[in-house]
Structures are given as C-alpha cells and as structure tokens.
C-alpha cells in the first residue's frame, strides 16, 4: 500500500485537488437538493448518496492502487443500479450528478491506466454505459437529459483518452528502462569476458607452466592449489557472464527456466527440478521470469561455492494459493554446515534481494531442518501475470 507521505509533491497536490473538487461538488449538490429544491424526494437523496460514495471510491484508489478494479466495479455497479431503480420508480425533476460523473471518470481513467487489458476494457465499457445512461434513466428522455448525456459521454471519452496516454507512457518508460538495463548488462558481460576472464586465464596458464617446470618439487602442491583456484574463478566468471547474457525479454516460459538450470548445474545429477503442471497455464511477464532465472542460478552458484559437500539439491517452482497470485521458488540443499551465517551468499544474496524487492516479493534464506539450507522466494503475480487460463478454456485476469 502506498502512503500519502511517500508521494512526490506533484502527486500530493493532485490528490488534494481531487479531494477539494469532489467535496465542493458534493456540498454544492447537497445544498441544491436539500435547501433550494424544498423537500427533496427519495430519488434526490439517493443520487446525492451515490455521488458521495463514488467520490470516496475514486479517492480510495490513491491509497489502495491494487484494488482499482474492485473500486471501479463497485462505483459503476452502484451508479447503474441507482439509475435503473430511478427509471423504474419515477424520473427525478432536477438534473444533477456532477460529483458522481467526475468520480466515475477518475476511476475509468485509472482503470485504463493501471488495469490489465481485459479488466480495463470492462471498466471502459461499463463506465461509459453508467455515465451516458444516467441522465436519460434518471431524468427522462427530454432534450435537456439527452444533451447532458452527450456531454457526459464526451467527458467519459476524455477520461479514457487520458488513461490510455498514461498507459502508453508507462509502457514506453518500462521499455526504455529494460533496454537501458540490457545495454548495461551486456556491456558488463563483455568487460568480464574480455578483461577479467582473460587475466584469470593468463594466471592459470602461467601456473600450469610453472608446475611443468618445477616438476614434483616441494612447491608442486601449492602450484596445484593455485591452478585449481584459478580454474574455479574462471568457471565462476563464465557462469556470471552466462547469467548476464540471459535476455529477460526472451525467457517467457518455464522451459527457459529448465534450460537455465540445466546450464547452471552443468549436468550435475545431484540437482533435481520440480515444476508443477499448473505453471503451463500461466503467462508470466518477462521481468518475473528473469528474476526466477537469476534466483535459481545464483542459488545453485552459492551451493557450489559454500556447500561443496551437498549431495542433493532440490529446486521447486510452483504457484501458491488457489488463485495462483504468488509464485514460489525454493532451493534446498543438504550440504548445510553450521556457521555459514547470513553473509554466505555475499553480494549474490544482496543482488537477489534487490531484484525481488523491485517486484514486491519476499526472500528468506537460512537453515532448514537439521542439516539443510534453503532459499525461499515468493513473487506476487497480479502485476506479473498477463493471464491465467481456466479449466474451461476461458481467460481469468
């Protein structure tokens, strides 16, 4: 949940402006209905209450951005229901409803901006119906109600346009960020391959040459240790280069995860991969899949580095909860040695934490049972899931 104190100044100003306008319109509408019309009917009071409730829903989207769909659906359903009741009972005498229309416009625009495509389309269609039909259903089919309906329909179109512009801007910004990160990642991979790996290779070759020259002298064991350490460092650099060269835009299926894990373990029979069949029914955003790749690869690299005595490593990837709203990634190995501590992963765990935090996920690592070490990651899927195919063949956002 986003706190108001964490908002940039411009966003706070916009929230205050919305609040003042909605309160002002509701006060004006209330004064007009309660004092200037004489004794207001039940319909007038109901329309006033609906406008107030819709305004509350519109403002609440700033504090509960993950519930925009629920807030928009509630306001639209309340507006449509009130219009139908007003049509069946009796048309009201005085045209009004500006607070309600403004609130619906804000919710429809926010839906176009933030919601997945199918939910956004639903909010646009139903919101437009609620806005355009309200004057005719509530106040009759005279010239004034029809004129107001046309004006409100134009305002609805403006809110949809603004929402789509903001959505396109976010998409362009995200694409630019991904492209910039990819350029930096590939540049770093080239530097590691061309410079670091080249120098480590030179050290290994010179150590091998020294071992041949010295033969079986007293320094032979020390030279072999240096050669072995250099070879391990070179292998680690190559694995890091491979990780950096993984393009998150191409890894969009769990098959890509399987290939990455197989490449990371390099044919190690001690590693077993468990993928639930339900994963095939999920279409996951590239950044989520990329994070899963990095978590698995980094975890397996840490196993090699810090638990060389591990005989069995289990990698599990599965959605959790009935609605498949979170993705769990778990890596357990039986090579835990007491005293590894929280810094066992070094900067690897720090990098994982930063990636996972960027997706609002959670990371837990530490002892598991008596002799195992576990890395457990949960990533939220509302923003990462494009769609979930239901068993009936339809699409469930």
Protein backbone atom coordinates (compact mmCIF):
# COMPACT_ATOMS: atom_id res chain seq x y z
CA UNK A 1 0.00 0.00 0.00
CA UNK A 2 1.27 3.45 -0.93
CA UNK A 3 1.31 6.01 1.86
CA UNK A 4 0.47 9.62 1.19
CA UNK A 5 3.71 10.75 2.85
CA UNK A 6 5.70 8.73 0.32
CA UNK A 7 4.17 10.52 -2.67
CA UNK A 8 6.09 13.09 -4.70
CA UNK A 9 4.88 16.68 -4.16
CA UNK A 10 3.05 16.86 -7.51
CA UNK A 11 1.12 13.68 -6.73
CA UNK A 12 0.14 15.01 -3.29
CA UNK A 13 -1.09 18.24 -4.88
CA UNK A 14 -3.19 16.26 -7.35
CA UNK A 15 -4.77 14.23 -4.54
CA UNK A 16 -5.59 17.42 -2.62
CA UNK A 17 -7.12 18.99 -5.76
CA UNK A 18 -9.26 15.90 -6.34
CA UNK A 19 -10.40 15.92 -2.73
CA UNK A 20 -11.33 19.62 -2.80
CA UNK A 21 -13.19 19.36 -6.13
CA UNK A 22 -15.15 16.26 -5.13
CA UNK A 23 -16.03 17.70 -1.72
CA UNK A 24 -17.01 21.01 -3.29
CA UNK A 25 -19.25 19.38 -5.90
CA UNK A 26 -20.90 17.17 -3.30
CA UNK A 27 -21.51 20.14 -0.99
CA UNK A 28 -22.97 22.16 -3.87
CA UNK A 29 -25.18 19.27 -4.92
CA UNK A 30 -26.31 18.69 -1.33
CA UNK A 31 -27.13 22.35 -0.75
CA UNK A 32 -29.05 22.49 -4.02
CA UNK A 33 -31.09 19.37 -3.31
CA UNK A 34 -31.68 19.84 0.41
CA UNK A 35 -32.25 23.57 0.64
CA UNK A 36 -33.01 25.07 -2.77
CA UNK A 37 -35.41 22.39 -4.03
CA UNK A 38 -37.55 22.49 -0.93
CA UNK A 39 -38.33 18.97 0.29
CA UNK A 40 -36.10 16.62 -1.74
CA UNK A 41 -37.53 13.29 -2.78
CA UNK A 42 -36.07 9.89 -2.05
CA UNK A 43 -34.53 9.86 -5.51
CA UNK A 44 -32.65 13.10 -4.94
CA UNK A 45 -31.25 11.88 -1.63
CA UNK A 46 -30.27 8.56 -3.21
CA UNK A 47 -28.43 10.31 -6.07
CA UNK A 48 -26.64 12.52 -3.56
CA UNK A 49 -25.54 9.46 -1.55
CA UNK A 50 -24.35 7.68 -4.70
CA UNK A 51 -22.27 10.70 -5.71
CA UNK A 52 -20.66 10.82 -2.27
CA UNK A 53 -19.91 7.09 -2.30
CA UNK A 54 -18.44 7.26 -5.81
CA UNK A 55 -16.20 10.12 -4.72
CA UNK A 56 -14.95 8.08 -1.78
CA UNK A 57 -14.18 5.17 -4.14
CA UNK A 58 -12.31 7.50 -6.51
CA UNK A 59 -10.16 8.93 -3.73
CA UNK A 60 -9.53 5.50 -2.22
CA UNK A 61 -7.68 4.39 -5.38
CA UNK A 62 -4.69 6.52 -4.27
CA UNK A 63 -4.32 4.54 -1.05
CA UNK A 64 -5.31 1.16 -2.49
CA UNK A 65 -3.91 1.11 -6.05
CA UNK A 66 -4.04 -2.69 -6.14
CA UNK A 67 -7.84 -2.50 -5.68
CA UNK A 68 -8.67 -0.20 -8.57
CA UNK A 69 -10.70 -2.93 -10.29
CA UNK A 70 -12.81 -3.51 -7.17
CA UNK A 71 -13.31 0.21 -6.54
CA UNK A 72 -14.27 0.92 -10.15
CA UNK A 73 -16.62 -2.06 -10.31
CA UNK A 74 -18.30 -1.02 -7.05
CA UNK A 75 -18.85 2.58 -8.20
CA UNK A 76 -20.11 1.52 -11.64
CA UNK A 77 -22.45 -1.10 -10.20
CA UNK A 78 -23.81 1.39 -7.66
CA UNK A 79 -24.38 4.01 -10.36
CA UNK A 80 -26.07 1.63 -12.81
CA UNK A 81 -28.24 0.12 -10.08
CA UNK A 82 -29.37 3.53 -8.88
CA UNK A 83 -30.15 4.63 -12.45
CA UNK A 84 -32.25 1.52 -13.09
CA UNK A 85 -34.15 1.98 -9.83
CA UNK A 86 -34.76 5.63 -10.67
CA UNK A 87 -36.05 4.67 -14.13
CA UNK A 88 -38.43 2.07 -12.71
CA UNK A 89 -39.72 4.25 -9.87
CA UNK A 90 -40.04 7.78 -11.25
CA UNK A 91 -37.76 10.27 -13.02
CA UNK A 92 -36.32 13.00 -10.84
CA UNK A 93 -37.20 16.61 -11.55
CA UNK A 94 -33.83 18.36 -11.35
CA UNK A 95 -30.76 17.41 -13.35
CA UNK A 96 -27.68 16.79 -11.21
CA UNK A 97 -24.87 14.30 -10.75
CA UNK A 98 -21.60 16.14 -11.39
CA UNK A 99 -19.76 14.58 -8.37
CA UNK A 100 -20.73 11.08 -9.46
CA UNK A 101 -19.68 11.66 -13.07
CA UNK A 102 -16.31 13.10 -12.02
CA UNK A 103 -15.69 10.14 -9.71
CA UNK A 104 -16.59 7.65 -12.46
CA UNK A 105 -14.32 9.49 -14.90
CA UNK A 106 -11.40 9.25 -12.47
CA UNK A 107 -12.00 5.54 -11.88
CA UNK A 108 -12.39 4.76 -15.60
CA UNK A 109 -9.21 6.70 -16.40
CA UNK A 110 -7.32 4.92 -13.62
CA UNK A 111 -8.61 1.59 -14.92
CA UNK A 112 -7.35 2.35 -18.42
CA UNK A 113 -4.01 3.33 -16.91
CA UNK A 114 -3.42 0.57 -14.39
CA UNK A 115 -5.60 -2.49 -15.00
CA UNK A 116 -4.83 -5.48 -17.24
CA UNK A 117 -6.25 -5.20 -20.72
CA UNK A 118 -9.42 -7.24 -20.22
CA UNK A 119 -10.33 -5.57 -16.94
CA UNK A 120 -9.57 -2.15 -18.45
CA UNK A 121 -11.90 -2.85 -21.38
CA UNK A 122 -14.64 -3.90 -18.98
CA UNK A 123 -14.21 -0.76 -16.90
CA UNK A 124 -14.31 1.43 -20.03
CA UNK A 125 -17.47 -0.13 -21.47
CA UNK A 126 -19.44 -0.38 -18.23
CA UNK A 127 -18.23 3.02 -17.03
CA UNK A 128 -19.29 4.63 -20.29
CA UNK A 129 -22.68 2.97 -20.04
CA UNK A 130 -23.15 4.17 -16.45
CA UNK A 131 -22.14 7.75 -17.32
CA UNK A 132 -24.09 8.13 -20.56
CA UNK A 133 -27.25 6.33 -19.45
CA UNK A 134 -27.64 8.06 -16.07
CA UNK A 135 -29.28 11.30 -17.29
CA UNK A 136 -31.78 9.50 -19.51
CA UNK A 137 -32.70 6.82 -16.99
CA UNK A 138 -32.92 9.20 -14.04
CA UNK A 139 -34.41 12.34 -15.57
CA UNK A 140 -36.38 11.16 -18.61
CA UNK A 141 -35.87 11.47 -22.37
CA UNK A 142 -36.30 15.19 -22.75
CA UNK A 143 -33.92 17.46 -24.62
CA UNK A 144 -32.00 18.50 -21.51
CA UNK A 145 -31.26 14.95 -20.26
CA UNK A 146 -30.14 13.85 -23.73
CA UNK A 147 -27.87 16.90 -24.04
CA UNK A 148 -26.36 16.18 -20.65
CA UNK A 149 -25.88 12.53 -21.64
CA UNK A 150 -23.92 13.62 -24.75
CA UNK A 151 -21.75 15.98 -22.70
CA UNK A 152 -21.06 13.31 -20.11
CA UNK A 153 -20.22 10.81 -22.86
CA UNK A 154 -17.66 13.28 -24.22
CA UNK A 155 -16.15 13.63 -20.75
CA UNK A 156 -16.02 9.83 -20.49
CA UNK A 157 -14.11 9.75 -23.79
CA UNK A 158 -11.65 12.32 -22.42
CA UNK A 159 -11.02 10.20 -19.32
CA UNK A 160 -10.41 7.12 -21.48
CA UNK A 161 -8.01 9.10 -23.68
CA UNK A 162 -6.02 10.38 -20.70
CA UNK A 163 -5.87 6.87 -19.20
CA UNK A 164 -4.60 5.38 -22.46
CA UNK A 165 -1.99 8.14 -22.83
CA UNK A 166 -0.70 7.43 -19.31
CA UNK A 167 -0.71 3.69 -20.01
CA UNK A 168 1.29 4.18 -23.19
CA UNK A 169 3.73 6.45 -21.36
CA UNK A 170 4.30 3.80 -18.70
CA UNK A 171 4.85 1.15 -21.36
CA UNK A 172 7.37 3.32 -23.18
CA UNK A 173 9.18 4.14 -19.95
CA UNK A 174 9.35 0.47 -18.94
CA UNK A 175 10.63 -0.48 -22.37
CA UNK A 176 13.31 2.22 -22.18
CA UNK A 177 14.37 1.02 -18.71
CA UNK A 178 14.57 -2.59 -19.90
CA UNK A 179 16.63 -1.54 -22.92
CA UNK A 180 19.00 0.52 -20.76
CA UNK A 181 19.43 -2.35 -18.29
CA UNK A 182 20.09 -4.78 -21.12
CA UNK A 183 22.75 -2.49 -22.57
CA UNK A 184 24.46 -2.13 -19.20
CA UNK A 185 24.20 -5.86 -18.54
CA UNK A 186 25.69 -6.83 -21.89
CA UNK A 187 28.45 -4.21 -21.54
CA UNK A 188 29.33 -5.65 -18.13
CA UNK A 189 29.31 -9.17 -19.58
CA UNK A 190 31.72 -8.09 -22.31
CA UNK A 191 34.04 -6.46 -19.79
CA UNK A 192 34.06 -9.55 -17.60
CA UNK A 193 34.70 -11.83 -20.57
CA UNK A 194 37.33 -9.70 -22.28
CA UNK A 195 39.23 -8.42 -19.24
CA UNK A 196 38.67 -10.44 -16.08
CA UNK A 197 38.38 -13.84 -17.75
CA UNK A 198 41.40 -13.04 -19.95
CA UNK A 199 43.61 -12.19 -16.97
CA UNK A 200 42.45 -15.20 -14.95
CA UNK A 201 43.17 -17.43 -17.94
CA UNK A 202 46.68 -15.98 -18.10
CA UNK A 203 47.20 -16.76 -14.40
CA UNK A 204 46.02 -20.36 -14.87
CA UNK A 205 48.23 -20.90 -17.92
CA UNK A 206 51.32 -19.48 -16.18
CA UNK A 207 50.61 -21.62 -13.11
CA UNK A 208 50.37 -24.71 -15.29
CA UNK A 209 53.65 -23.79 -16.95
CA UNK A 210 55.30 -23.31 -13.55
CA UNK A 211 54.04 -26.73 -12.48
CA UNK A 212 55.65 -28.34 -15.54
CA UNK A 213 58.93 -26.55 -14.95
CA UNK A 214 59.15 -27.34 -11.24
CA UNK A 215 58.01 -30.92 -11.71
CA UNK A 216 57.46 -32.80 -8.45
CA UNK A 217 59.24 -30.29 -6.24
CA UNK A 218 58.04 -29.15 -2.82
CA UNK A 219 56.09 -26.33 -4.44
CA UNK A 220 54.07 -28.71 -6.60
CA UNK A 221 51.09 -28.99 -4.22
CA UNK A 222 50.91 -25.22 -3.74
CA UNK A 223 51.01 -24.65 -7.50
CA UNK A 224 48.21 -27.19 -7.98
CA UNK A 225 46.10 -25.38 -5.40
CA UNK A 226 46.69 -22.07 -7.18
CA UNK A 227 45.82 -23.67 -10.51
CA UNK A 228 42.64 -25.19 -9.05
CA UNK A 229 41.58 -21.88 -7.50
CA UNK A 230 42.22 -20.06 -10.76
CA UNK A 231 40.17 -22.62 -12.71
CA UNK A 232 37.30 -22.24 -10.23
CA UNK A 233 37.46 -18.44 -10.52
CA UNK A 234 37.42 -18.70 -14.32
CA UNK A 235 34.40 -21.04 -14.20
CA UNK A 236 32.62 -18.61 -11.84
CA UNK A 237 33.30 -15.70 -14.20
CA UNK A 238 31.97 -17.71 -17.14
CA UNK A 239 28.82 -18.59 -15.22
CA UNK A 240 28.38 -14.92 -14.33
CA UNK A 241 28.81 -13.94 -17.98
CA UNK A 242 26.20 -16.53 -18.93
CA UNK A 243 23.79 -15.10 -16.34
CA UNK A 244 24.36 -11.56 -17.59
CA UNK A 245 23.77 -12.59 -21.18
CA UNK A 246 20.39 -14.14 -20.39
CA UNK A 247 17.91 -11.84 -22.10
CA UNK A 248 14.85 -11.34 -19.90
CA UNK A 249 12.77 -10.49 -22.96
CA UNK A 250 13.25 -13.97 -24.42
CA UNK A 251 12.71 -16.08 -21.30
CA UNK A 252 8.91 -16.12 -21.25
CA UNK A 253 8.21 -19.74 -20.43
CA UNK A 254 9.12 -22.25 -17.78
CA UNK A 255 11.00 -24.20 -20.44
CA UNK A 256 13.51 -21.35 -20.42
CA UNK A 257 13.90 -21.81 -16.69
CA UNK A 258 14.59 -25.52 -17.19
CA UNK A 259 17.28 -24.75 -19.79
CA UNK A 260 18.89 -22.16 -17.50
CA UNK A 261 19.00 -24.55 -14.54
CA UNK A 262 20.48 -27.35 -16.66
CA UNK A 263 23.14 -24.98 -17.95
CA UNK A 264 23.90 -23.75 -14.44
CA UNK A 265 24.30 -27.23 -12.94
CA UNK A 266 26.36 -28.36 -15.94
CA UNK A 267 24.98 -31.89 -15.88
CA UNK A 268 25.14 -32.26 -12.09
CA UNK A 269 22.97 -35.25 -11.21
CA UNK A 270 22.62 -34.03 -7.62
CA UNK A 271 20.16 -31.32 -8.73
CA UNK A 272 16.50 -32.16 -9.31
CA UNK A 273 13.96 -29.72 -10.70
CA UNK A 274 10.29 -29.78 -9.70
CA UNK A 275 7.91 -27.73 -11.82
CA UNK A 276 4.18 -28.00 -11.21
CA UNK A 277 1.95 -28.64 -14.24
CA UNK A 278 -0.05 -25.51 -13.34
CA UNK A 279 2.89 -23.39 -14.49
CA UNK A 280 1.98 -24.22 -18.08
CA UNK A 281 -1.31 -22.36 -17.59
CA UNK A 282 0.40 -19.12 -16.55
CA UNK A 283 1.61 -16.42 -18.90
CA UNK A 284 4.20 -14.59 -16.78
CA UNK A 285 5.73 -11.20 -17.51
CA UNK A 286 9.38 -11.29 -18.70
CA UNK A 287 10.75 -9.44 -15.66
CA UNK A 288 9.21 -12.03 -13.35
CA UNK A 289 10.66 -14.93 -15.36
CA UNK A 290 14.05 -13.19 -15.46
CA UNK A 291 14.01 -12.86 -11.68
CA UNK A 292 13.20 -16.58 -11.33
CA UNK A 293 16.15 -17.36 -13.61
CA UNK A 294 18.53 -15.28 -11.56
CA UNK A 295 17.31 -16.64 -8.24
CA UNK A 296 17.81 -20.25 -9.32
CA UNK A 297 21.17 -19.63 -10.94
CA UNK A 298 22.53 -17.60 -8.04
CA UNK A 299 21.26 -20.16 -5.52
CA UNK A 300 22.96 -23.01 -7.37
CA UNK A 301 26.16 -20.98 -7.66
CA UNK A 302 26.08 -20.43 -3.89
CA UNK A 303 25.59 -24.16 -3.33
CA UNK A 304 28.72 -24.90 -5.37
CA UNK A 305 30.67 -22.21 -3.57
CA UNK A 306 29.56 -22.62 0.03
CA UNK A 307 28.28 -26.20 0.21
CA UNK A 308 30.55 -28.36 -1.96
CA UNK A 309 29.62 -31.34 0.20
CA UNK A 310 25.96 -31.15 -0.86
CA UNK A 311 24.74 -34.46 -2.31
CA UNK A 312 21.25 -33.41 -3.27
CA UNK A 313 19.75 -30.08 -4.36
CA UNK A 314 16.01 -29.66 -4.96
CA UNK A 315 14.68 -26.72 -6.98
CA UNK A 316 10.92 -26.21 -6.76
CA UNK A 317 8.93 -23.65 -8.74
CA UNK A 318 5.15 -23.52 -8.29
CA UNK A 319 2.24 -21.10 -7.91
CA UNK A 320 0.74 -20.83 -4.44
CA UNK A 321 -2.86 -20.16 -3.31
CA UNK A 322 -5.91 -21.25 -5.24
CA UNK A 323 -5.95 -18.05 -7.28
CA UNK A 324 -2.28 -18.50 -8.27
CA UNK A 325 -1.47 -14.99 -7.10
CA UNK A 326 2.09 -15.76 -5.98
CA UNK A 327 4.95 -17.74 -7.47
CA UNK A 328 7.17 -19.72 -5.09
CA UNK A 329 10.80 -20.55 -5.89
CA UNK A 330 12.57 -22.82 -3.40
CA UNK A 331 16.13 -24.18 -3.49
CA UNK A 332 17.09 -26.66 -0.77
CA UNK A 333 20.44 -28.42 -0.42
CA UNK A 334 21.68 -30.94 2.14
CA UNK A 335 25.19 -29.52 2.38
CA UNK A 336 24.50 -27.06 5.17
CA UNK A 337 27.31 -26.51 7.62
CA UNK A 338 26.64 -24.59 10.80
CA UNK A 339 28.30 -21.23 10.91
CA UNK A 340 27.65 -20.30 7.27
CA UNK A 341 25.75 -17.26 8.52
CA UNK A 342 23.69 -14.71 6.73
CA UNK A 343 26.58 -13.49 4.60
CA UNK A 344 27.11 -16.82 2.92
CA UNK A 345 25.87 -15.51 -0.39
CA UNK A 346 27.82 -12.27 -0.24
CA UNK A 347 26.74 -9.80 -2.90
CA UNK A 348 24.79 -12.55 -4.67
CA UNK A 349 22.10 -12.58 -1.99
CA UNK A 350 22.13 -8.79 -1.90
CA UNK A 351 21.54 -8.65 -5.65
CA UNK A 352 18.76 -11.23 -5.35
CA UNK A 353 17.15 -9.20 -2.58
CA UNK A 354 17.19 -6.05 -4.70
CA UNK A 355 15.66 -7.81 -7.71
CA UNK A 356 12.95 -9.44 -5.63
CA UNK A 357 12.17 -6.21 -3.74
CA UNK A 358 11.71 -4.45 -7.08
CA UNK A 359 8.83 -6.86 -7.78
CA UNK A 360 7.41 -6.57 -4.23
CA UNK A 361 8.44 -10.15 -3.46
CA UNK A 362 9.95 -11.75 -0.37
CA UNK A 363 13.25 -13.57 0.14
CA UNK A 364 14.05 -15.89 3.04
CA UNK A 365 17.24 -17.89 3.44
CA UNK A 366 18.78 -19.88 6.23
CA UNK A 367 18.83 -23.25 7.97
CA UNK A 368 16.07 -25.66 7.07
CA UNK A 369 15.70 -28.65 9.33
CA UNK A 370 18.76 -30.14 10.94
CA UNK A 371 21.21 -30.28 8.05
CA UNK A 372 19.79 -28.33 5.08
CA UNK A 373 19.99 -24.82 3.74
CA UNK A 374 17.05 -23.20 1.98
CA UNK A 375 16.48 -20.17 -0.23
CA UNK A 376 12.76 -19.36 -0.46
CA UNK A 377 11.37 -16.67 -2.74
CA UNK A 378 7.77 -15.62 -3.28
CA UNK A 379 6.93 -13.25 -6.13
CA UNK A 380 3.50 -11.61 -6.45
CA UNK A 381 1.74 -12.32 -9.72
CA UNK A 382 -1.01 -9.66 -10.06
CA UNK A 383 1.43 -7.39 -11.92
CA UNK A 384 3.46 -10.20 -13.39
CA UNK A 385 0.68 -12.44 -14.67
CA UNK A 386 -0.69 -11.48 -18.05
CA UNK A 387 -3.47 -14.06 -17.91
CA UNK A 388 -4.38 -17.38 -16.36
CA UNK A 389 -6.21 -19.91 -18.50
CA UNK A 390 -9.06 -21.53 -16.62
CA UNK A 391 -10.01 -25.17 -16.96
CA UNK A 392 -12.98 -24.19 -19.11
CA UNK A 393 -10.68 -22.63 -21.68
CA UNK A 394 -11.54 -19.02 -20.88
CA UNK A 395 -9.29 -16.30 -19.59
CA UNK A 396 -9.26 -15.26 -15.96
CA UNK A 397 -7.41 -11.93 -15.36
